């Protein structure tokens, strides 16, 4: 694990409750290094923060650490498959009548 992954893990570990679910995967390309963070669905809001302020601050800190070493470092947050667990209906259960406008029947 490189220094940027260590930095991200340190910060995220202090934000979340489920410490074992933290996964950080780094990918280096010509443009720089991208760190992808995965956390438990219940901890997503804590990492994102109100209005995205927490994830923006995390990105700023990591980017600043990279600039200091002449590296470009980006941080992405992997969202879970189903971000809103309160959804009970899927589009598969809808039919044409659900989208018909008045007078179309």
PDB file of N, CA and C in Angstrom:
ATOM      1  N   UNK A   1       0.859  -1.181   0.000  1.00  0.00           N
ATOM      2  CA  UNK A   1       0.000   0.000   0.000  1.00  0.00           C
ATOM      3  C   UNK A   1       0.899   1.236   0.000  1.00  0.00           C
ATOM      4  N   UNK A   2       0.568   2.214  -0.833  1.00  0.00           N
ATOM      5  CA  UNK A   2       1.412   3.398  -0.892  1.00  0.00           C
ATOM      6  C   UNK A   2       0.972   4.452   0.123  1.00  0.00           C
ATOM      7  N   UNK A   3       1.701   5.530   0.183  1.00  0.00           N
ATOM      8  CA  UNK A   3       1.442   6.560   1.193  1.00  0.00           C
ATOM      9  C   UNK A   3       0.083   7.220   1.025  1.00  0.00           C
ATOM     10  N   UNK A   4      -0.401   7.333  -0.208  1.00  0.00           N
ATOM     11  CA  UNK A   4      -1.707   7.959  -0.424  1.00  0.00           C
ATOM     12  C   UNK A   4      -2.840   7.048   0.034  1.00  0.00           C
ATOM     13  N   UNK A   5      -2.692   5.762  -0.214  1.00  0.00           N
ATOM     14  CA  UNK A   5      -3.688   4.808   0.274  1.00  0.00           C
ATOM     15  C   UNK A   5      -3.702   4.798   1.798  1.00  0.00           C
ATOM     16  N   UNK A   6      -2.530   4.865   2.398  1.00  0.00           N
ATOM     17  CA  UNK A   6      -2.445   4.922   3.866  1.00  0.00           C
ATOM     18  C   UNK A   6      -3.149   6.163   4.402  1.00  0.00           C
ATOM     19  N   UNK A   7      -2.944   7.300   3.741  1.00  0.00           N
ATOM     20  CA  UNK A   7      -3.572   8.545   4.159  1.00  0.00           C
ATOM     21  C   UNK A   7      -5.092   8.449   4.056  1.00  0.00           C
ATOM     22  N   UNK A   8      -5.584   7.928   2.935  1.00  0.00           N
ATOM     23  CA  UNK A   8      -7.032   7.784   2.744  1.00  0.00           C
ATOM     24  C   UNK A   8      -7.606   6.823   3.777  1.00  0.00           C
ATOM     25  N   UNK A   9      -6.949   5.699   3.994  1.00  0.00           N
ATOM     26  CA  UNK A   9      -7.434   4.725   4.979  1.00  0.00           C
ATOM     27  C   UNK A   9      -7.484   5.342   6.375  1.00  0.00           C
ATOM     28  N   UNK A  10      -6.479   6.104   6.745  1.00  0.00           N
ATOM     29  CA  UNK A  10      -6.444   6.740   8.051  1.00  0.00           C
ATOM     30  C   UNK A  10      -7.647   7.677   8.230  1.00  0.00           C
ATOM     31  N   UNK A  11      -7.920   8.491   7.224  1.00  0.00           N
ATOM     32  CA  UNK A  11      -9.029   9.441   7.324  1.00  0.00           C
ATOM     33  C   UNK A  11     -10.371   8.727   7.323  1.00  0.00           C
ATOM     34  N   UNK A  12     -10.570   7.825   6.370  1.00  0.00           N
ATOM     35  CA  UNK A  12     -11.857   7.129   6.249  1.00  0.00           C
ATOM     36  C   UNK A  12     -12.117   6.276   7.480  1.00  0.00           C
ATOM     37  N   UNK A  13     -11.079   5.674   8.021  1.00  0.00           N
ATOM     38  CA  UNK A  13     -11.236   4.827   9.217  1.00  0.00           C
ATOM     39  C   UNK A  13     -11.808   5.623  10.390  1.00  0.00           C
ATOM     40  N   UNK A  14     -11.518   6.903  10.445  1.00  0.00           N
ATOM     41  CA  UNK A  14     -12.029   7.747  11.521  1.00  0.00           C
ATOM     42  C   UNK A  14     -13.436   8.274  11.243  1.00  0.00           C
ATOM     43  N   UNK A  15     -13.936   8.043  10.036  1.00  0.00           N
ATOM     44  CA  UNK A  15     -15.279   8.514   9.677  1.00  0.00           C
ATOM     45  C   UNK A  15     -16.345   7.424   9.806  1.00  0.00           C
ATOM     46  N   UNK A  16     -15.973   6.180   9.557  1.00  0.00           N
ATOM     47  CA  UNK A  16     -16.949   5.104   9.449  1.00  0.00           C
ATOM     48  C   UNK A  16     -17.042   4.277  10.722  1.00  0.00           C
ATOM     49  N   UNK A  17     -18.138   3.524  10.820  1.00  0.00           N
ATOM     50  CA  UNK A  17     -18.316   2.604  11.946  1.00  0.00           C
ATOM     51  C   UNK A  17     -17.827   1.200  11.609  1.00  0.00           C
ATOM     52  N   UNK A  18     -18.060   0.775  10.362  1.00  0.00           N
ATOM     53  CA  UNK A  18     -17.671  -0.573   9.939  1.00  0.00           C
ATOM     54  C   UNK A  18     -16.267  -0.511   9.320  1.00  0.00           C
ATOM     55  N   UNK A  19     -15.257  -0.582  10.172  1.00  0.00           N
ATOM     56  CA  UNK A  19     -13.871  -0.434   9.729  1.00  0.00           C
ATOM     57  C   UNK A  19     -13.418  -1.569   8.823  1.00  0.00           C
ATOM     58  N   UNK A  20     -13.995  -2.755   9.012  1.00  0.00           N
ATOM     59  CA  UNK A  20     -13.583  -3.913   8.213  1.00  0.00           C
ATOM     60  C   UNK A  20     -14.060  -3.832   6.769  1.00  0.00           C
ATOM     61  N   UNK A  21     -15.044  -2.981   6.494  1.00  0.00           N
ATOM     62  CA  UNK A  21     -15.589  -2.906   5.133  1.00  0.00           C
ATOM     63  C   UNK A  21     -14.819  -1.936   4.236  1.00  0.00           C
ATOM     64  N   UNK A  22     -13.857  -1.233   4.787  1.00  0.00           N
ATOM     65  CA  UNK A  22     -13.100  -0.263   3.994  1.00  0.00           C
ATOM     66  C   UNK A  22     -12.202  -0.992   2.995  1.00  0.00           C
ATOM     67  N   UNK A  23     -12.363  -0.634   1.731  1.00  0.00           N
ATOM     68  CA  UNK A  23     -11.496  -1.159   0.682  1.00  0.00           C
ATOM     69  C   UNK A  23     -10.989   0.014  -0.131  1.00  0.00           C
ATOM     70  N   UNK A  24      -9.709   0.039  -0.377  1.00  0.00           N
ATOM     71  CA  UNK A  24      -9.109   1.092  -1.184  1.00  0.00           C
ATOM     72  C   UNK A  24      -8.277   0.420  -2.265  1.00  0.00           C
ATOM     73  N   UNK A  25      -8.642   0.712  -3.500  1.00  0.00           N
ATOM     74  CA  UNK A  25      -7.929   0.130  -4.623  1.00  0.00           C
ATOM     75  C   UNK A  25      -7.298   1.253  -5.429  1.00  0.00           C
ATOM     76  N   UNK A  26      -6.014   1.148  -5.659  1.00  0.00           N
ATOM     77  CA  UNK A  26      -5.300   2.161  -6.415  1.00  0.00           C
ATOM     78  C   UNK A  26      -5.026   1.706  -7.831  1.00  0.00           C
ATOM     79  N   UNK A  27      -5.108   2.652  -8.745  1.00  0.00           N
ATOM     80  CA  UNK A  27      -4.826   2.369 -10.146  1.00  0.00           C
ATOM     81  C   UNK A  27      -3.996   3.529 -10.690  1.00  0.00           C
ATOM     82  N   UNK A  28      -2.817   3.208 -11.197  1.00  0.00           N
ATOM     83  CA  UNK A  28      -1.942   4.239 -11.726  1.00  0.00           C
ATOM     84  C   UNK A  28      -1.925   4.172 -13.244  1.00  0.00           C
ATOM     85  N   UNK A  29      -2.161   5.322 -13.854  1.00  0.00           N
ATOM     86  CA  UNK A  29      -2.108   5.453 -15.305  1.00  0.00           C
ATOM     87  C   UNK A  29      -1.234   6.644 -15.641  1.00  0.00           C
ATOM     88  N   UNK A  30      -1.153   6.982 -16.915  1.00  0.00           N
ATOM     89  CA  UNK A  30      -0.331   8.118 -17.353  1.00  0.00           C
ATOM     90  C   UNK A  30      -0.757   9.418 -16.686  1.00  0.00           C
ATOM     91  N   UNK A  31      -2.052   9.565 -16.486  1.00  0.00           N
ATOM     92  CA  UNK A  31      -2.599  10.805 -15.948  1.00  0.00           C
ATOM     93  C   UNK A  31      -2.381  10.965 -14.444  1.00  0.00           C
ATOM     94  N   UNK A  32      -2.135   9.879 -13.758  1.00  0.00           N
ATOM     95  CA  UNK A  32      -1.942   9.931 -12.318  1.00  0.00           C
ATOM     96  C   UNK A  32      -2.504   8.694 -11.652  1.00  0.00           C
ATOM     97  N   UNK A  33      -2.629   8.763 -10.351  1.00  0.00           N
ATOM     98  CA  UNK A  33      -3.134   7.643  -9.557  1.00  0.00           C
ATOM     99  C   UNK A  33      -4.564   7.942  -9.114  1.00  0.00           C
ATOM    100  N   UNK A  34      -5.437   6.968  -9.308  1.00  0.00           N
ATOM    101  CA  UNK A  34      -6.818   7.079  -8.835  1.00  0.00           C
ATOM    102  C   UNK A  34      -7.010   6.067  -7.718  1.00  0.00           C
ATOM    103  N   UNK A  35      -7.494   6.551  -6.582  1.00  0.00           N
ATOM    104  CA  UNK A  35      -7.807   5.685  -5.452  1.00  0.00           C
ATOM    105  C   UNK A  35      -9.315   5.553  -5.361  1.00  0.00           C
ATOM    106  N   UNK A  36      -9.806   4.324  -5.419  1.00  0.00           N
ATOM    107  CA  UNK A  36     -11.245   4.063  -5.329  1.00  0.00           C
ATOM    108  C   UNK A  36     -11.550   3.521  -3.941  1.00  0.00           C
ATOM    109  N   UNK A  37     -12.469   4.208  -3.265  1.00  0.00           N
ATOM    110  CA  UNK A  37     -12.835   3.848  -1.896  1.00  0.00           C
ATOM    111  C   UNK A  37     -14.176   3.135  -1.899  1.00  0.00           C
ATOM    112  N   UNK A  38     -14.258   2.036  -1.187  1.00  0.00           N
ATOM    113  CA  UNK A  38     -15.524   1.348  -0.948  1.00  0.00           C
ATOM    114  C   UNK A  38     -15.717   1.227   0.552  1.00  0.00           C
ATOM    115  N   UNK A  39     -16.916   1.533   1.007  1.00  0.00           N
ATOM    116  CA  UNK A  39     -17.265   1.379   2.422  1.00  0.00           C
ATOM    117  C   UNK A  39     -18.629   0.719   2.497  1.00  0.00           C
ATOM    118  N   UNK A  40     -19.040   0.357   3.697  1.00  0.00           N
ATOM    119  CA  UNK A  40     -20.360  -0.245   3.899  1.00  0.00           C
ATOM    120  C   UNK A  40     -21.435   0.765   3.489  1.00  0.00           C
ATOM    121  N   UNK A  41     -22.555   0.285   2.928  1.00  0.00           N
ATOM    122  CA  UNK A  41     -23.631   1.196   2.512  1.00  0.00           C
ATOM    123  C   UNK A  41     -24.095   2.135   3.620  1.00  0.00           C
ATOM    124  N   UNK A  42     -24.115   1.658   4.854  1.00  0.00           N
ATOM    125  CA  UNK A  42     -24.556   2.496   5.974  1.00  0.00           C
ATOM    126  C   UNK A  42     -23.568   3.620   6.289  1.00  0.00           C
ATOM    127  N   UNK A  43     -22.331   3.483   5.828  1.00  0.00           N
ATOM    128  CA  UNK A  43     -21.310   4.493   6.096  1.00  0.00           C
ATOM    129  C   UNK A  43     -21.098   5.473   4.947  1.00  0.00           C
ATOM    130  N   UNK A  44     -21.778   5.256   3.829  1.00  0.00           N
ATOM    131  CA  UNK A  44     -21.596   6.121   2.654  1.00  0.00           C
ATOM    132  C   UNK A  44     -21.860   7.583   2.986  1.00  0.00           C
ATOM    133  N   UNK A  45     -22.938   7.853   3.696  1.00  0.00           N
ATOM    134  CA  UNK A  45     -23.301   9.226   4.020  1.00  0.00           C
ATOM    135  C   UNK A  45     -22.248   9.922   4.865  1.00  0.00           C
ATOM    136  N   UNK A  46     -21.592   9.159   5.714  1.00  0.00           N
ATOM    137  CA  UNK A  46     -20.551   9.737   6.568  1.00  0.00           C
ATOM    138  C   UNK A  46     -19.329  10.134   5.747  1.00  0.00           C
ATOM    139  N   UNK A  47     -19.025   9.343   4.738  1.00  0.00           N
ATOM    140  CA  UNK A  47     -17.871   9.639   3.894  1.00  0.00           C
ATOM    141  C   UNK A  47     -18.195  10.787   2.931  1.00  0.00           C
ATOM    142  N   UNK A  48     -19.420  10.806   2.431  1.00  0.00           N
ATOM    143  CA  UNK A  48     -19.815  11.872   1.508  1.00  0.00           C
ATOM    144  C   UNK A  48     -19.991  13.189   2.252  1.00  0.00           C
ATOM    145  N   UNK A  49     -20.681  13.143   3.376  1.00  0.00           N
ATOM    146  CA  UNK A  49     -20.910  14.354   4.167  1.00  0.00           C
ATOM    147  C   UNK A  49     -22.024  15.212   3.593  1.00  0.00           C
ATOM    148  N   UNK A  50     -22.462  16.151   4.371  1.00  0.00           N
ATOM    149  CA  UNK A  50     -23.556  17.035   3.963  1.00  0.00           C
ATOM    150  C   UNK A  50     -23.114  17.874   2.760  1.00  0.00           C
ATOM    151  N   UNK A  51     -23.853  17.725   1.682  1.00  0.00           N
ATOM    152  CA  UNK A  51     -23.534  18.469   0.469  1.00  0.00           C
ATOM    153  C   UNK A  51     -22.229  18.035  -0.178  1.00  0.00           C
ATOM    154  N   UNK A  52     -21.699  16.874   0.209  1.00  0.00           N
ATOM    155  CA  UNK A  52     -20.452  16.377  -0.367  1.00  0.00           C
ATOM    156  C   UNK A  52     -19.205  17.035   0.205  1.00  0.00           C
ATOM    157  N   UNK A  53     -19.364  17.768   1.296  1.00  0.00           N
ATOM    158  CA  UNK A  53     -18.226  18.501   1.855  1.00  0.00           C
ATOM    159  C   UNK A  53     -17.123  17.582   2.383  1.00  0.00           C
ATOM    160  N   UNK A  54     -17.491  16.453   2.972  1.00  0.00           N
ATOM    161  CA  UNK A  54     -16.476  15.567   3.549  1.00  0.00           C
ATOM    162  C   UNK A  54     -15.635  14.918   2.460  1.00  0.00           C
ATOM    163  N   UNK A  55     -16.280  14.375   1.422  1.00  0.00           N
ATOM    164  CA  UNK A  55     -15.511  13.743   0.341  1.00  0.00           C
ATOM    165  C   UNK A  55     -14.695  14.783  -0.412  1.00  0.00           C
ATOM    166  N   UNK A  56     -15.219  15.990  -0.553  1.00  0.00           N
ATOM    167  CA  UNK A  56     -14.455  17.066  -1.203  1.00  0.00           C
ATOM    168  C   UNK A  56     -13.214  17.413  -0.395  1.00  0.00           C
ATOM    169  N   UNK A  57     -13.350  17.476   0.921  1.00  0.00           N
ATOM    170  CA  UNK A  57     -12.205  17.771   1.784  1.00  0.00           C
ATOM    171  C   UNK A  57     -11.162  16.655   1.707  1.00  0.00           C
ATOM    172  N   UNK A  58     -11.632  15.409   1.682  1.00  0.00           N
ATOM    173  CA  UNK A  58     -10.722  14.268   1.564  1.00  0.00           C
ATOM    174  C   UNK A  58      -9.947  14.356   0.252  1.00  0.00           C
ATOM    175  N   UNK A  59     -10.644  14.659  -0.825  1.00  0.00           N
ATOM    176  CA  UNK A  59      -9.986  14.798  -2.129  1.00  0.00           C
ATOM    177  C   UNK A  59      -8.947  15.919  -2.113  1.00  0.00           C
ATOM    178  N   UNK A  60      -9.273  17.014  -1.458  1.00  0.00           N
ATOM    179  CA  UNK A  60      -8.347  18.152  -1.382  1.00  0.00           C
ATOM    180  C   UNK A  60      -7.083  17.785  -0.614  1.00  0.00           C
ATOM    181  N   UNK A  61      -7.239  17.105   0.512  1.00  0.00           N
ATOM    182  CA  UNK A  61      -6.088  16.709   1.324  1.00  0.00           C
ATOM    183  C   UNK A  61      -5.183  15.761   0.542  1.00  0.00           C
ATOM    184  N   UNK A  62      -5.782  14.773  -0.110  1.00  0.00           N
ATOM    185  CA  UNK A  62      -4.991  13.782  -0.848  1.00  0.00           C
ATOM    186  C   UNK A  62      -4.328  14.438  -2.061  1.00  0.00           C
ATOM    187  N   UNK A  63      -5.058  15.293  -2.750  1.00  0.00           N
ATOM    188  CA  UNK A  63      -4.480  15.995  -3.903  1.00  0.00           C
ATOM    189  C   UNK A  63      -3.296  16.868  -3.457  1.00  0.00           C
ATOM    190  N   UNK A  64      -3.437  17.551  -2.310  1.00  0.00           N
ATOM    191  CA  UNK A  64      -2.354  18.386  -1.781  1.00  0.00           C
ATOM    192  C   UNK A  64      -1.131  17.538  -1.424  1.00  0.00           C
ATOM    193  N   UNK A  65      -1.360  16.366  -0.857  1.00  0.00           N
ATOM    194  CA  UNK A  65      -0.245  15.466  -0.543  1.00  0.00           C
ATOM    195  C   UNK A  65       0.460  15.032  -1.823  1.00  0.00           C
ATOM    196  N   UNK A  66      -0.308  14.813  -2.873  1.00  0.00           N
ATOM    197  CA  UNK A  66       0.285  14.437  -4.156  1.00  0.00           C
ATOM    198  C   UNK A  66       1.087  15.561  -4.775  1.00  0.00           C
ATOM    199  N   UNK A  67       0.549  16.763  -4.728  1.00  0.00           N
ATOM    200  CA  UNK A  67       1.244  17.929  -5.291  1.00  0.00           C
ATOM    201  C   UNK A  67       2.589  18.118  -4.608  1.00  0.00           C
ATOM    202  N   UNK A  68       2.598  17.894  -3.328  1.00  0.00           N
ATOM    203  CA  UNK A  68       3.834  18.034  -2.559  1.00  0.00           C
ATOM    204  C   UNK A  68       4.930  17.113  -3.092  1.00  0.00           C
ATOM    205  N   UNK A  69       4.516  15.952  -3.621  1.00  0.00           N
ATOM    206  CA  UNK A  69       5.470  14.977  -4.168  1.00  0.00           C
ATOM    207  C   UNK A  69       5.474  14.963  -5.695  1.00  0.00           C
ATOM    208  N   UNK A  70       4.870  15.974  -6.306  1.00  0.00           N
ATOM    209  CA  UNK A  70       4.779  16.081  -7.771  1.00  0.00           C
ATOM    210  C   UNK A  70       4.019  14.905  -8.373  1.00  0.00           C
ATOM    211  N   UNK A  71       2.987  14.421  -7.675  1.00  0.00           N
ATOM    212  CA  UNK A  71       2.121  13.339  -8.155  1.00  0.00           C
ATOM    213  C   UNK A  71       0.702  13.872  -8.321  1.00  0.00           C
ATOM    214  N   UNK A  72      -0.005  13.295  -9.254  1.00  0.00           N
ATOM    215  CA  UNK A  72      -1.427  13.602  -9.394  1.00  0.00           C
ATOM    216  C   UNK A  72      -2.207  12.443  -8.784  1.00  0.00           C
ATOM    217  N   UNK A  73      -3.004  12.756  -7.788  1.00  0.00           N
ATOM    218  CA  UNK A  73      -3.760  11.714  -7.086  1.00  0.00           C
ATOM    219  C   UNK A  73      -5.228  12.126  -7.051  1.00  0.00           C
ATOM    220  N   UNK A  74      -6.088  11.215  -7.481  1.00  0.00           N
ATOM    221  CA  UNK A  74      -7.528  11.441  -7.514  1.00  0.00           C
ATOM    222  C   UNK A  74      -8.206  10.439  -6.591  1.00  0.00           C
ATOM    223  N   UNK A  75      -9.319  10.831  -6.014  1.00  0.00           N
ATOM    224  CA  UNK A  75     -10.074   9.948  -5.118  1.00  0.00           C
ATOM    225  C   UNK A  75     -11.493   9.811  -5.643  1.00  0.00           C
ATOM    226  N   UNK A  76     -11.933   8.572  -5.826  1.00  0.00           N
ATOM    227  CA  UNK A  76     -13.305   8.262  -6.227  1.00  0.00           C
ATOM    228  C   UNK A  76     -13.955   7.421  -5.147  1.00  0.00           C
ATOM    229  N   UNK A  77     -15.252   7.563  -5.017  1.00  0.00           N
ATOM    230  CA  UNK A  77     -16.012   6.785  -4.044  1.00  0.00           C
ATOM    231  C   UNK A  77     -16.925   5.834  -4.796  1.00  0.00           C
ATOM    232  N   UNK A  78     -16.723   4.539  -4.603  1.00  0.00           N
ATOM    233  CA  UNK A  78     -17.595   3.542  -5.224  1.00  0.00           C
ATOM    234  C   UNK A  78     -18.911   3.517  -4.482  1.00  0.00           C
ATOM    235  N   UNK A  79     -19.989   3.730  -5.210  1.00  0.00           N
ATOM    236  CA  UNK A  79     -21.303   3.683  -4.583  1.00  0.00           C
ATOM    237  C   UNK A  79     -21.826   2.262  -4.640  1.00  0.00           C
ATOM    238  N   UNK A  80     -22.568   1.847  -3.618  1.00  0.00           N
ATOM    239  CA  UNK A  80     -23.116   0.484  -3.621  1.00  0.00           C
ATOM    240  C   UNK A  80     -24.117   0.311  -4.746  1.00  0.00           C
ATOM    241  N   UNK A  81     -24.392  -0.934  -5.090  1.00  0.00           N
ATOM    242  CA  UNK A  81     -25.310  -1.253  -6.184  1.00  0.00           C
ATOM    243  C   UNK A  81     -26.654  -0.558  -6.029  1.00  0.00           C
ATOM    244  N   UNK A  82     -27.193  -0.594  -4.834  1.00  0.00           N
ATOM    245  CA  UNK A  82     -28.496   0.006  -4.590  1.00  0.00           C
ATOM    246  C   UNK A  82     -28.341   1.026  -3.466  1.00  0.00           C
ATOM    247  N   UNK A  83     -28.107   2.265  -3.863  1.00  0.00           N
ATOM    248  CA  UNK A  83     -27.797   3.301  -2.888  1.00  0.00           C
ATOM    249  C   UNK A  83     -28.974   3.618  -1.980  1.00  0.00           C
ATOM    250  N   UNK A  84     -30.193   3.483  -2.477  1.00  0.00           N
ATOM    251  CA  UNK A  84     -31.352   3.829  -1.663  1.00  0.00           C
ATOM    252  C   UNK A  84     -32.088   2.550  -1.313  1.00  0.00           C
ATOM    253  N   UNK A  85     -31.875   2.060  -0.107  1.00  0.00           N
ATOM    254  CA  UNK A  85     -32.456   0.781   0.300  1.00  0.00           C
ATOM    255  C   UNK A  85     -33.944   0.894   0.586  1.00  0.00           C
ATOM    256  N   UNK A  86     -34.505   2.109   0.632  1.00  0.00           N
ATOM    257  CA  UNK A  86     -35.919   2.290   0.891  1.00  0.00           C
ATOM    258  C   UNK A  86     -36.791   2.015  -0.320  1.00  0.00           C
ATOM    259  N   UNK A  87     -36.180   1.811  -1.476  1.00  0.00           N
ATOM    260  CA  UNK A  87     -36.949   1.554  -2.693  1.00  0.00           C
ATOM    261  C   UNK A  87     -37.569   0.161  -2.609  1.00  0.00           C
ATOM    262  N   UNK A  88     -38.854   0.091  -2.884  1.00  0.00           N
ATOM    263  CA  UNK A  88     -39.532  -1.203  -2.803  1.00  0.00           C
ATOM    264  C   UNK A  88     -40.039  -1.660  -4.169  1.00  0.00           C
ATOM    265  N   UNK A  89     -40.061  -0.770  -5.115  1.00  0.00           N
ATOM    266  CA  UNK A  89     -40.602  -1.111  -6.425  1.00  0.00           C
ATOM    267  C   UNK A  89     -39.521  -0.906  -7.479  1.00  0.00           C
ATOM    268  N   UNK A  90     -39.439  -1.819  -8.420  1.00  0.00           N
ATOM    269  CA  UNK A  90     -38.483  -1.669  -9.510  1.00  0.00           C
ATOM    270  C   UNK A  90     -39.230  -1.377 -10.793  1.00  0.00           C
ATOM    271  N   UNK A  91     -38.530  -0.913 -11.777  1.00  0.00           N
ATOM    272  CA  UNK A  91     -39.168  -0.604 -13.059  1.00  0.00           C
ATOM    273  C   UNK A  91     -39.686  -1.867 -13.734  1.00  0.00           C
ATOM    274  N   UNK A  92     -39.170  -3.036 -13.370  1.00  0.00           N
ATOM    275  CA  UNK A  92     -39.640  -4.280 -13.951  1.00  0.00           C
ATOM    276  C   UNK A  92     -41.098  -4.555 -13.587  1.00  0.00           C
ATOM    277  N   UNK A  93     -41.571  -4.010 -12.473  1.00  0.00           N
ATOM    278  CA  UNK A  93     -42.941  -4.281 -12.047  1.00  0.00           C
ATOM    279  C   UNK A  93     -43.929  -3.274 -12.634  1.00  0.00           C
ATOM    280  N   UNK A  94     -43.432  -2.290 -13.376  1.00  0.00           N
ATOM    281  CA  UNK A  94     -44.301  -1.294 -13.982  1.00  0.00           C
ATOM    282  C   UNK A  94     -44.800  -1.794 -15.327  1.00  0.00           C
ATOM    283  N   UNK A  95     -45.959  -1.307 -15.731  1.00  0.00           N
ATOM    284  CA  UNK A  95     -46.449  -1.626 -17.071  1.00  0.00           C
ATOM    285  C   UNK A  95     -46.829  -0.327 -17.784  1.00  0.00           C
ATOM    286  N   UNK A  96     -47.295  -0.440 -19.015  1.00  0.00           N
ATOM    287  CA  UNK A  96     -47.599   0.741 -19.832  1.00  0.00           C
ATOM    288  C   UNK A  96     -48.612   1.667 -19.172  1.00  0.00           C
ATOM    289  N   UNK A  97     -49.582   1.100 -18.456  1.00  0.00           N
ATOM    290  CA  UNK A  97     -50.620   1.913 -17.829  1.00  0.00           C
ATOM    291  C   UNK A  97     -50.053   2.870 -16.779  1.00  0.00           C
ATOM    292  N   UNK A  98     -48.915   2.527 -16.196  1.00  0.00           N
ATOM    293  CA  UNK A  98     -48.295   3.398 -15.205  1.00  0.00           C
ATOM    294  C   UNK A  98     -47.800   4.697 -15.830  1.00  0.00           C
ATOM    295  N   UNK A  99     -47.556   4.683 -17.139  1.00  0.00           N
ATOM    296  CA  UNK A  99     -47.019   5.851 -17.819  1.00  0.00           C
ATOM    297  C   UNK A  99     -48.033   6.537 -18.722  1.00  0.00           C
ATOM    298  N   UNK A 100     -49.235   5.989 -18.818  1.00  0.00           N
ATOM    299  CA  UNK A 100     -50.247   6.560 -19.680  1.00  0.00           C
ATOM    300  C   UNK A 100     -50.748   7.877 -19.084  1.00  0.00           C
ATOM    301  N   UNK A 101     -50.928   8.851 -19.948  1.00  0.00           N
ATOM    302  CA  UNK A 101     -51.456  10.135 -19.490  1.00  0.00           C
ATOM    303  C   UNK A 101     -52.972  10.082 -19.513  1.00  0.00           C
ATOM    304  N   UNK A 102     -53.594  11.015 -18.808  1.00  0.00           N
ATOM    305  CA  UNK A 102     -55.054  11.072 -18.786  1.00  0.00           C
ATOM    306  C   UNK A 102     -55.582  11.140 -20.206  1.00  0.00           C
ATOM    307  N   UNK A 103     -56.620  10.399 -20.463  1.00  0.00           N
ATOM    308  CA  UNK A 103     -57.230  10.380 -21.779  1.00  0.00           C
ATOM    309  C   UNK A 103     -56.616   9.377 -22.718  1.00  0.00           C
ATOM    310  N   UNK A 104     -55.498   8.750 -22.345  1.00  0.00           N
ATOM    311  CA  UNK A 104     -54.850   7.758 -23.193  1.00  0.00           C
ATOM    312  C   UNK A 104     -55.451   6.377 -23.015  1.00  0.00           C
ATOM    313  N   UNK A 105     -56.272   6.176 -21.995  1.00  0.00           N
ATOM    314  CA  UNK A 105     -56.812   4.833 -21.702  1.00  0.00           C
ATOM    315  C   UNK A 105     -57.873   4.469 -22.664  1.00  0.00           C
TER     316      UNK A 105
END
